[in-house]
Amino acid sequence: MATQALEDALNIIELLRNEYSMGVSELSKALKLNKNKVFRIIATLELKGLVELDKDTGKYKLGMNLIKLEHSYIKSLEFLEVARPLLRNLRQEINETVYMAILHKKDVIYIYEEPARKSVIINSKLARRYRADRTPAGKVLKRAVKEVGFIVEYDIDTQEEVSEVATIVRDEFYYPIASISVVAPSHRMSMERIENEIKDRLISTAEEITELLAPAFSLD
């Protein structure tokens, strides 16, 4: 019984993560659970600070304590400590927003951001998840399981006015553990600029991070 309650609570958190906010009736319908049961679970999650009620909409959203837990998890990733100064250097070189992302099931989650210092910026992807097959950061991670080298994925999306180019970071066993990507307004991310400026610097940064993670491994 306790195991089922925990599973229901985790399903509620996952729904709120994907939908951002939902009411008790919406959660009840999505999970096929009795409203009273959903309300009891929500009340417990709210007490622990894992969800909170938006008084303006009457719907629930993720709470600050859950964000703190995710932040603690991200801080525990040792490879991020290695990568952080190199990602910062990359952002300084190209002056565009740089991200690191990881796979989680069918999604990709952007776990670190070095924002561009420009007047025209983009909406942050930090701590957000997307379908892995719909973003270069996710596509390159999926490809890298079967392909060798520092492969690259592009998305020059003039319709959304945001473009992204991503490559892979590997661990000491040469297994893909994260992607790094450059994201910028499309008018600053032409294919010419990607090929002549960004691509080589992105791959060079990924190689440096991989070398630091695997000092005994030679890329030659």
C-alpha atoms as a PDB file:
ATOM      1  CA  MET A   1       0.000   0.000   0.000  1.00  0.00           C
ATOM      2  CA  ALA A   2       2.824   2.383   0.954  1.00  0.00           C
ATOM      3  CA  THR A   3       4.664   1.487  -2.253  1.00  0.00           C
ATOM      4  CA  GLN A   4       1.599   2.357  -4.344  1.00  0.00           C
ATOM      5  CA  ALA A   5       1.174   5.668  -2.529  1.00  0.00           C
ATOM      6  CA  LEU A   6       4.809   6.529  -3.221  1.00  0.00           C
ATOM      7  CA  GLU A   7       4.377   5.642  -6.891  1.00  0.00           C
ATOM      8  CA  ASP A   8       1.262   7.818  -7.108  1.00  0.00           C
ATOM      9  CA  ALA A   9       3.121  10.712  -5.474  1.00  0.00           C
ATOM     10  CA  LEU A  10       6.016  10.373  -7.932  1.00  0.00           C
ATOM     11  CA  ASN A  11       3.550  10.265 -10.839  1.00  0.00           C
ATOM     12  CA  ILE A  12       1.993  13.516  -9.605  1.00  0.00           C
ATOM     13  CA  ILE A  13       5.427  15.159  -9.422  1.00  0.00           C
ATOM     14  CA  GLU A  14       6.249  13.953 -12.932  1.00  0.00           C
ATOM     15  CA  LEU A  15       2.958  15.322 -14.292  1.00  0.00           C
ATOM     16  CA  LEU A  16       3.556  18.701 -12.665  1.00  0.00           C
ATOM     17  CA  ARG A  17       7.074  18.737 -14.056  1.00  0.00           C
ATOM     18  CA  ASN A  18       5.729  18.245 -17.573  1.00  0.00           C
ATOM     19  CA  GLU A  19       2.582  20.369 -17.364  1.00  0.00           C
ATOM     20  CA  TYR A  20       3.911  23.028 -14.923  1.00  0.00           C
ATOM     21  CA  SER A  21       0.577  23.385 -13.103  1.00  0.00           C
ATOM     22  CA  MET A  22      -2.537  21.243 -12.703  1.00  0.00           C
ATOM     23  CA  GLY A  23      -5.644  21.169 -10.544  1.00  0.00           C
ATOM     24  CA  VAL A  24      -6.790  18.227  -8.437  1.00  0.00           C
ATOM     25  CA  SER A  25      -9.466  17.301 -10.996  1.00  0.00           C
ATOM     26  CA  GLU A  26      -6.919  17.347 -13.836  1.00  0.00           C
ATOM     27  CA  LEU A  27      -4.495  15.185 -11.851  1.00  0.00           C
ATOM     28  CA  SER A  28      -7.289  12.805 -10.901  1.00  0.00           C
ATOM     29  CA  LYS A  29      -8.314  12.381 -14.538  1.00  0.00           C
ATOM     30  CA  ALA A  30      -4.750  12.007 -15.831  1.00  0.00           C
ATOM     31  CA  LEU A  31      -3.803   9.393 -13.219  1.00  0.00           C
ATOM     32  CA  LYS A  32      -7.222   7.705 -13.068  1.00  0.00           C
ATOM     33  CA  LEU A  33      -7.298   8.167  -9.305  1.00  0.00           C
ATOM     34  CA  ASN A  34     -10.073   9.207  -6.927  1.00  0.00           C
ATOM     35  CA  LYS A  35     -10.040  12.971  -6.261  1.00  0.00           C
ATOM     36  CA  ASN A  36      -9.926  12.446  -2.502  1.00  0.00           C
ATOM     37  CA  LYS A  37      -6.850  10.237  -2.864  1.00  0.00           C
ATOM     38  CA  VAL A  38      -5.140  12.804  -5.086  1.00  0.00           C
ATOM     39  CA  PHE A  39      -5.956  15.556  -2.605  1.00  0.00           C
ATOM     40  CA  ARG A  40      -4.483  13.547   0.296  1.00  0.00           C
ATOM     41  CA  ILE A  41      -1.262  12.941  -1.633  1.00  0.00           C
ATOM     42  CA  ILE A  42      -1.083  16.581  -2.714  1.00  0.00           C
ATOM     43  CA  ALA A  43      -1.591  17.694   0.904  1.00  0.00           C
ATOM     44  CA  THR A  44       1.370  15.566   2.015  1.00  0.00           C
ATOM     45  CA  LEU A  45       3.583  16.823  -0.826  1.00  0.00           C
ATOM     46  CA  GLU A  46       2.595  20.397  -0.026  1.00  0.00           C
ATOM     47  CA  LEU A  47       3.445  19.894   3.657  1.00  0.00           C
ATOM     48  CA  LYS A  48       6.939  18.761   2.618  1.00  0.00           C
ATOM     49  CA  GLY A  49       7.355  21.721   0.263  1.00  0.00           C
ATOM     50  CA  LEU A  50       7.504  19.498  -2.828  1.00  0.00           C
ATOM     51  CA  VAL A  51       4.445  21.115  -4.408  1.00  0.00           C
ATOM     52  CA  GLU A  52       2.717  24.426  -3.760  1.00  0.00           C
ATOM     53  CA  LEU A  53      -0.650  25.954  -4.533  1.00  0.00           C
ATOM     54  CA  ASP A  54      -0.816  28.850  -6.967  1.00  0.00           C
ATOM     55  CA  LYS A  55      -3.480  30.976  -5.279  1.00  0.00           C
ATOM     56  CA  ASP A  56      -4.169  32.933  -8.465  1.00  0.00           C
ATOM     57  CA  THR A  57      -5.067  29.845 -10.528  1.00  0.00           C
ATOM     58  CA  GLY A  58      -6.068  27.368  -7.831  1.00  0.00           C
ATOM     59  CA  LYS A  59      -3.675  24.854  -9.372  1.00  0.00           C
ATOM     60  CA  TYR A  60      -0.615  23.103  -8.002  1.00  0.00           C
ATOM     61  CA  LYS A  61       2.959  23.399  -9.207  1.00  0.00           C
ATOM     62  CA  LEU A  62       6.328  22.082  -8.091  1.00  0.00           C
ATOM     63  CA  GLY A  63       7.593  23.518  -4.818  1.00  0.00           C
ATOM     64  CA  MET A  64      10.920  25.038  -3.869  1.00  0.00           C
ATOM     65  CA  ASN A  65      12.068  22.024  -1.847  1.00  0.00           C
ATOM     66  CA  LEU A  66      11.933  19.833  -4.931  1.00  0.00           C
ATOM     67  CA  ILE A  67      14.009  22.386  -6.824  1.00  0.00           C
ATOM     68  CA  LYS A  68      16.517  22.311  -3.943  1.00  0.00           C
ATOM     69  CA  LEU A  69      16.699  18.512  -4.187  1.00  0.00           C
ATOM     70  CA  GLU A  70      17.344  18.709  -7.927  1.00  0.00           C
ATOM     71  CA  HIS A  71      19.985  21.389  -7.339  1.00  0.00           C
ATOM     72  CA  SER A  72      21.704  19.143  -4.771  1.00  0.00           C
ATOM     73  CA  TYR A  73      21.675  16.263  -7.235  1.00  0.00           C
ATOM     74  CA  ILE A  74      23.180  18.401  -9.993  1.00  0.00           C
ATOM     75  CA  LYS A  75      25.881  19.685  -7.633  1.00  0.00           C
ATOM     76  CA  SER A  76      26.777  16.056  -6.835  1.00  0.00           C
ATOM     77  CA  LEU A  77      27.708  15.373 -10.471  1.00  0.00           C
ATOM     78  CA  GLU A  78      31.502  15.327 -10.357  1.00  0.00           C
ATOM     79  CA  PHE A  79      31.933  15.805 -14.103  1.00  0.00           C
ATOM     80  CA  LEU A  80      30.063  19.108 -13.866  1.00  0.00           C
ATOM     81  CA  GLU A  81      32.738  20.461 -11.518  1.00  0.00           C
ATOM     82  CA  VAL A  82      35.368  19.518 -14.096  1.00  0.00           C
ATOM     83  CA  ALA A  83      33.397  20.999 -16.975  1.00  0.00           C
ATOM     84  CA  ARG A  84      32.269  24.293 -15.412  1.00  0.00           C
ATOM     85  CA  PRO A  85      35.436  26.411 -16.009  1.00  0.00           C
ATOM     86  CA  LEU A  86      35.757  25.129 -19.579  1.00  0.00           C
ATOM     87  CA  LEU A  87      32.116  25.911 -20.330  1.00  0.00           C
ATOM     88  CA  ARG A  88      32.684  29.383 -18.934  1.00  0.00           C
ATOM     89  CA  ASN A  89      35.713  29.824 -21.204  1.00  0.00           C
ATOM     90  CA  LEU A  90      33.668  28.719 -24.213  1.00  0.00           C
ATOM     91  CA  ARG A  91      30.956  31.261 -23.421  1.00  0.00           C
ATOM     92  CA  GLN A  92      33.559  33.994 -23.090  1.00  0.00           C
ATOM     93  CA  GLU A  93      35.112  33.070 -26.452  1.00  0.00           C
ATOM     94  CA  ILE A  94      31.906  33.085 -28.485  1.00  0.00           C
ATOM     95  CA  ASN A  95      29.688  35.235 -26.242  1.00  0.00           C
ATOM     96  CA  GLU A  96      26.653  32.986 -26.656  1.00  0.00           C
ATOM     97  CA  THR A  97      24.769  30.895 -24.101  1.00  0.00           C
ATOM     98  CA  VAL A  98      26.373  27.528 -23.370  1.00  0.00           C
ATOM     99  CA  TYR A  99      24.576  24.558 -21.795  1.00  0.00           C
ATOM    100  CA  MET A 100      25.378  21.128 -20.447  1.00  0.00           C
ATOM    101  CA  ALA A 101      22.600  18.518 -20.568  1.00  0.00           C
ATOM    102  CA  ILE A 102      22.030  14.886 -19.582  1.00  0.00           C
ATOM    103  CA  LEU A 103      19.618  12.163 -20.657  1.00  0.00           C
ATOM    104  CA  HIS A 104      16.829  10.941 -18.391  1.00  0.00           C
ATOM    105  CA  LYS A 105      14.741   8.182 -19.942  1.00  0.00           C
ATOM    106  CA  LYS A 106      13.310   9.686 -23.160  1.00  0.00           C
ATOM    107  CA  ASP A 107      14.082  13.260 -22.158  1.00  0.00           C
ATOM    108  CA  VAL A 108      17.074  15.557 -22.055  1.00  0.00           C
ATOM    109  CA  ILE A 109      17.525  17.876 -19.060  1.00  0.00           C
ATOM    110  CA  TYR A 110      19.615  21.028 -19.227  1.00  0.00           C
ATOM    111  CA  ILE A 111      21.567  20.975 -15.955  1.00  0.00           C
ATOM    112  CA  TYR A 112      23.997  23.888 -16.327  1.00  0.00           C
ATOM    113  CA  GLU A 113      23.977  27.250 -18.089  1.00  0.00           C
ATOM    114  CA  GLU A 114      26.552  29.913 -18.891  1.00  0.00           C
ATOM    115  CA  PRO A 115      24.369  32.778 -20.203  1.00  0.00           C
ATOM    116  CA  ALA A 116      25.466  35.139 -22.957  1.00  0.00           C
ATOM    117  CA  ARG A 117      26.270  38.725 -22.040  1.00  0.00           C
ATOM    118  CA  LYS A 118      24.241  40.332 -24.824  1.00  0.00           C
ATOM    119  CA  SER A 119      21.222  42.611 -24.981  1.00  0.00           C
ATOM    120  CA  VAL A 120      19.196  40.113 -27.051  1.00  0.00           C
ATOM    121  CA  ILE A 121      18.913  36.926 -25.014  1.00  0.00           C
ATOM    122  CA  ILE A 122      16.813  33.766 -25.168  1.00  0.00           C
ATOM    123  CA  ASN A 123      14.519  32.066 -22.679  1.00  0.00           C
ATOM    124  CA  SER A 124      16.595  29.906 -20.362  1.00  0.00           C
ATOM    125  CA  LYS A 125      16.529  26.122 -20.783  1.00  0.00           C
ATOM    126  CA  LEU A 126      18.127  25.563 -17.368  1.00  0.00           C
ATOM    127  CA  ALA A 127      16.505  22.770 -15.304  1.00  0.00           C
ATOM    128  CA  ARG A 128      13.981  22.155 -18.089  1.00  0.00           C
ATOM    129  CA  ARG A 129      13.408  18.882 -19.850  1.00  0.00           C
ATOM    130  CA  TYR A 130      12.573  18.239 -23.498  1.00  0.00           C
ATOM    131  CA  ARG A 131      11.984  15.187 -25.621  1.00  0.00           C
ATOM    132  CA  ALA A 132      15.477  13.962 -26.475  1.00  0.00           C
ATOM    133  CA  ASP A 133      14.601  13.437 -30.121  1.00  0.00           C
ATOM    134  CA  ARG A 134      13.501  17.070 -30.505  1.00  0.00           C
ATOM    135  CA  THR A 135      16.620  18.925 -29.463  1.00  0.00           C
ATOM    136  CA  PRO A 136      20.250  18.699 -30.645  1.00  0.00           C
ATOM    137  CA  ALA A 137      21.457  18.168 -27.063  1.00  0.00           C
ATOM    138  CA  GLY A 138      19.281  15.067 -26.828  1.00  0.00           C
ATOM    139  CA  LYS A 139      19.853  13.792 -30.365  1.00  0.00           C
ATOM    140  CA  VAL A 140      23.628  13.868 -30.008  1.00  0.00           C
ATOM    141  CA  LEU A 141      23.448  11.927 -26.727  1.00  0.00           C
ATOM    142  CA  LYS A 142      21.329   9.211 -28.317  1.00  0.00           C
ATOM    143  CA  ARG A 143      23.586   8.971 -31.358  1.00  0.00           C
ATOM    144  CA  ALA A 144      26.768   8.869 -29.297  1.00  0.00           C
ATOM    145  CA  VAL A 145      25.833   5.542 -27.709  1.00  0.00           C
ATOM    146  CA  LYS A 146      26.358   3.864 -31.096  1.00  0.00           C
ATOM    147  CA  GLU A 147      28.739   6.289 -32.816  1.00  0.00           C
ATOM    148  CA  VAL A 148      32.321   7.186 -31.936  1.00  0.00           C
ATOM    149  CA  GLY A 149      33.991  10.584 -31.879  1.00  0.00           C
ATOM    150  CA  PHE A 150      32.689  14.033 -31.071  1.00  0.00           C
ATOM    151  CA  ILE A 151      29.648  14.078 -33.299  1.00  0.00           C
ATOM    152  CA  VAL A 152      27.617  17.249 -33.792  1.00  0.00           C
ATOM    153  CA  GLU A 153      23.897  17.974 -34.130  1.00  0.00           C
ATOM    154  CA  TYR A 154      22.401  21.247 -35.416  1.00  0.00           C
ATOM    155  CA  ASP A 155      19.028  22.893 -35.253  1.00  0.00           C
ATOM    156  CA  ILE A 156      18.847  26.130 -37.215  1.00  0.00           C
ATOM    157  CA  ASP A 157      15.224  26.978 -36.468  1.00  0.00           C
ATOM    158  CA  THR A 158      14.298  30.291 -38.062  1.00  0.00           C
ATOM    159  CA  GLN A 159      10.626  29.750 -37.224  1.00  0.00           C
ATOM    160  CA  GLU A 160      11.266  29.543 -33.467  1.00  0.00           C
ATOM    161  CA  GLU A 161      14.040  32.142 -33.867  1.00  0.00           C
ATOM    162  CA  VAL A 162      16.366  30.050 -31.671  1.00  0.00           C
ATOM    163  CA  SER A 163      19.144  27.776 -32.917  1.00  0.00           C
ATOM    164  CA  GLU A 164      21.332  25.200 -31.213  1.00  0.00           C
ATOM    165  CA  VAL A 165      24.468  23.218 -32.008  1.00  0.00           C
ATOM    166  CA  ALA A 166      25.575  20.381 -29.693  1.00  0.00           C
ATOM    167  CA  THR A 167      28.304  17.811 -29.228  1.00  0.00           C
ATOM    168  CA  ILE A 168      29.159  15.094 -26.722  1.00  0.00           C
ATOM    169  CA  VAL A 169      31.206  14.692 -23.544  1.00  0.00           C
ATOM    170  CA  ARG A 170      32.490  11.205 -22.698  1.00  0.00           C
ATOM    171  CA  ASP A 171      33.725   9.600 -19.473  1.00  0.00           C
ATOM    172  CA  GLU A 172      36.836   7.531 -18.750  1.00  0.00           C
ATOM    173  CA  PHE A 173      35.268   4.565 -20.545  1.00  0.00           C
ATOM    174  CA  TYR A 174      34.462   6.778 -23.538  1.00  0.00           C
ATOM    175  CA  TYR A 175      30.754   6.476 -22.747  1.00  0.00           C
ATOM    176  CA  PRO A 176      28.584   9.556 -23.472  1.00  0.00           C
ATOM    177  CA  ILE A 177      27.596  11.169 -20.174  1.00  0.00           C
ATOM    178  CA  ALA A 178      26.478  14.650 -21.205  1.00  0.00           C
ATOM    179  CA  SER A 179      26.168  17.034 -24.111  1.00  0.00           C
ATOM    180  CA  ILE A 180      27.348  20.597 -24.395  1.00  0.00           C
ATOM    181  CA  SER A 181      25.602  23.009 -26.688  1.00  0.00           C
ATOM    182  CA  VAL A 182      25.552  26.601 -27.841  1.00  0.00           C
ATOM    183  CA  VAL A 183      22.107  28.210 -28.059  1.00  0.00           C
ATOM    184  CA  ALA A 184      21.486  31.635 -29.588  1.00  0.00           C
ATOM    185  CA  PRO A 185      18.948  33.679 -31.576  1.00  0.00           C
ATOM    186  CA  SER A 186      18.891  32.368 -35.140  1.00  0.00           C
ATOM    187  CA  HIS A 187      20.051  35.667 -36.596  1.00  0.00           C
ATOM    188  CA  ARG A 188      23.348  35.181 -34.712  1.00  0.00           C
ATOM    189  CA  MET A 189      23.702  31.487 -35.580  1.00  0.00           C
ATOM    190  CA  SER A 190      24.121  31.183 -39.315  1.00  0.00           C
ATOM    191  CA  MET A 191      25.578  27.970 -40.744  1.00  0.00           C
ATOM    192  CA  GLU A 192      28.602  29.996 -41.803  1.00  0.00           C
ATOM    193  CA  ARG A 193      29.263  31.095 -38.229  1.00  0.00           C
ATOM    194  CA  ILE A 194      28.694  27.587 -36.899  1.00  0.00           C
ATOM    195  CA  GLU A 195      31.142  26.060 -39.375  1.00  0.00           C
ATOM    196  CA  ASN A 196      33.782  28.790 -39.165  1.00  0.00           C
ATOM    197  CA  GLU A 197      33.675  29.715 -35.483  1.00  0.00           C
ATOM    198  CA  ILE A 198      31.440  27.743 -33.156  1.00  0.00           C
ATOM    199  CA  LYS A 199      31.752  24.094 -34.207  1.00  0.00           C
ATOM    200  CA  ASP A 200      35.519  23.722 -33.728  1.00  0.00           C
ATOM    201  CA  ARG A 201      35.488  25.556 -30.383  1.00  0.00           C
ATOM    202  CA  LEU A 202      32.570  23.454 -29.168  1.00  0.00           C
ATOM    203  CA  ILE A 203      34.308  20.190 -30.084  1.00  0.00           C
ATOM    204  CA  SER A 204      37.604  21.413 -28.619  1.00  0.00           C
ATOM    205  CA  THR A 205      35.856  22.136 -25.309  1.00  0.00           C
ATOM    206  CA  ALA A 206      34.221  18.687 -25.312  1.00  0.00           C
ATOM    207  CA  GLU A 207      37.602  17.061 -25.980  1.00  0.00           C
ATOM    208  CA  GLU A 208      39.228  18.985 -23.127  1.00  0.00           C
ATOM    209  CA  ILE A 209      36.506  17.961 -20.674  1.00  0.00           C
ATOM    210  CA  THR A 210      36.782  14.330 -21.786  1.00  0.00           C
ATOM    211  CA  GLU A 211      40.557  14.385 -21.397  1.00  0.00           C
ATOM    212  CA  LEU A 212      40.238  15.743 -17.851  1.00  0.00           C
ATOM    213  CA  LEU A 213      37.705  13.049 -16.993  1.00  0.00           C
ATOM    214  CA  ALA A 214      39.922  10.338 -18.467  1.00  0.00           C
ATOM    215  CA  PRO A 215      43.581  11.364 -17.961  1.00  0.00           C
ATOM    216  CA  ALA A 216      44.823   7.929 -18.953  1.00  0.00           C
ATOM    217  CA  PHE A 217      42.852   7.952 -22.202  1.00  0.00           C
ATOM    218  CA  SER A 218      44.472   9.310 -25.342  1.00  0.00           C
ATOM    219  CA  LEU A 219      42.372  10.824 -28.096  1.00  0.00           C
ATOM    220  CA  ASP A 220      45.220  10.437 -30.629  1.00  0.00           C
END
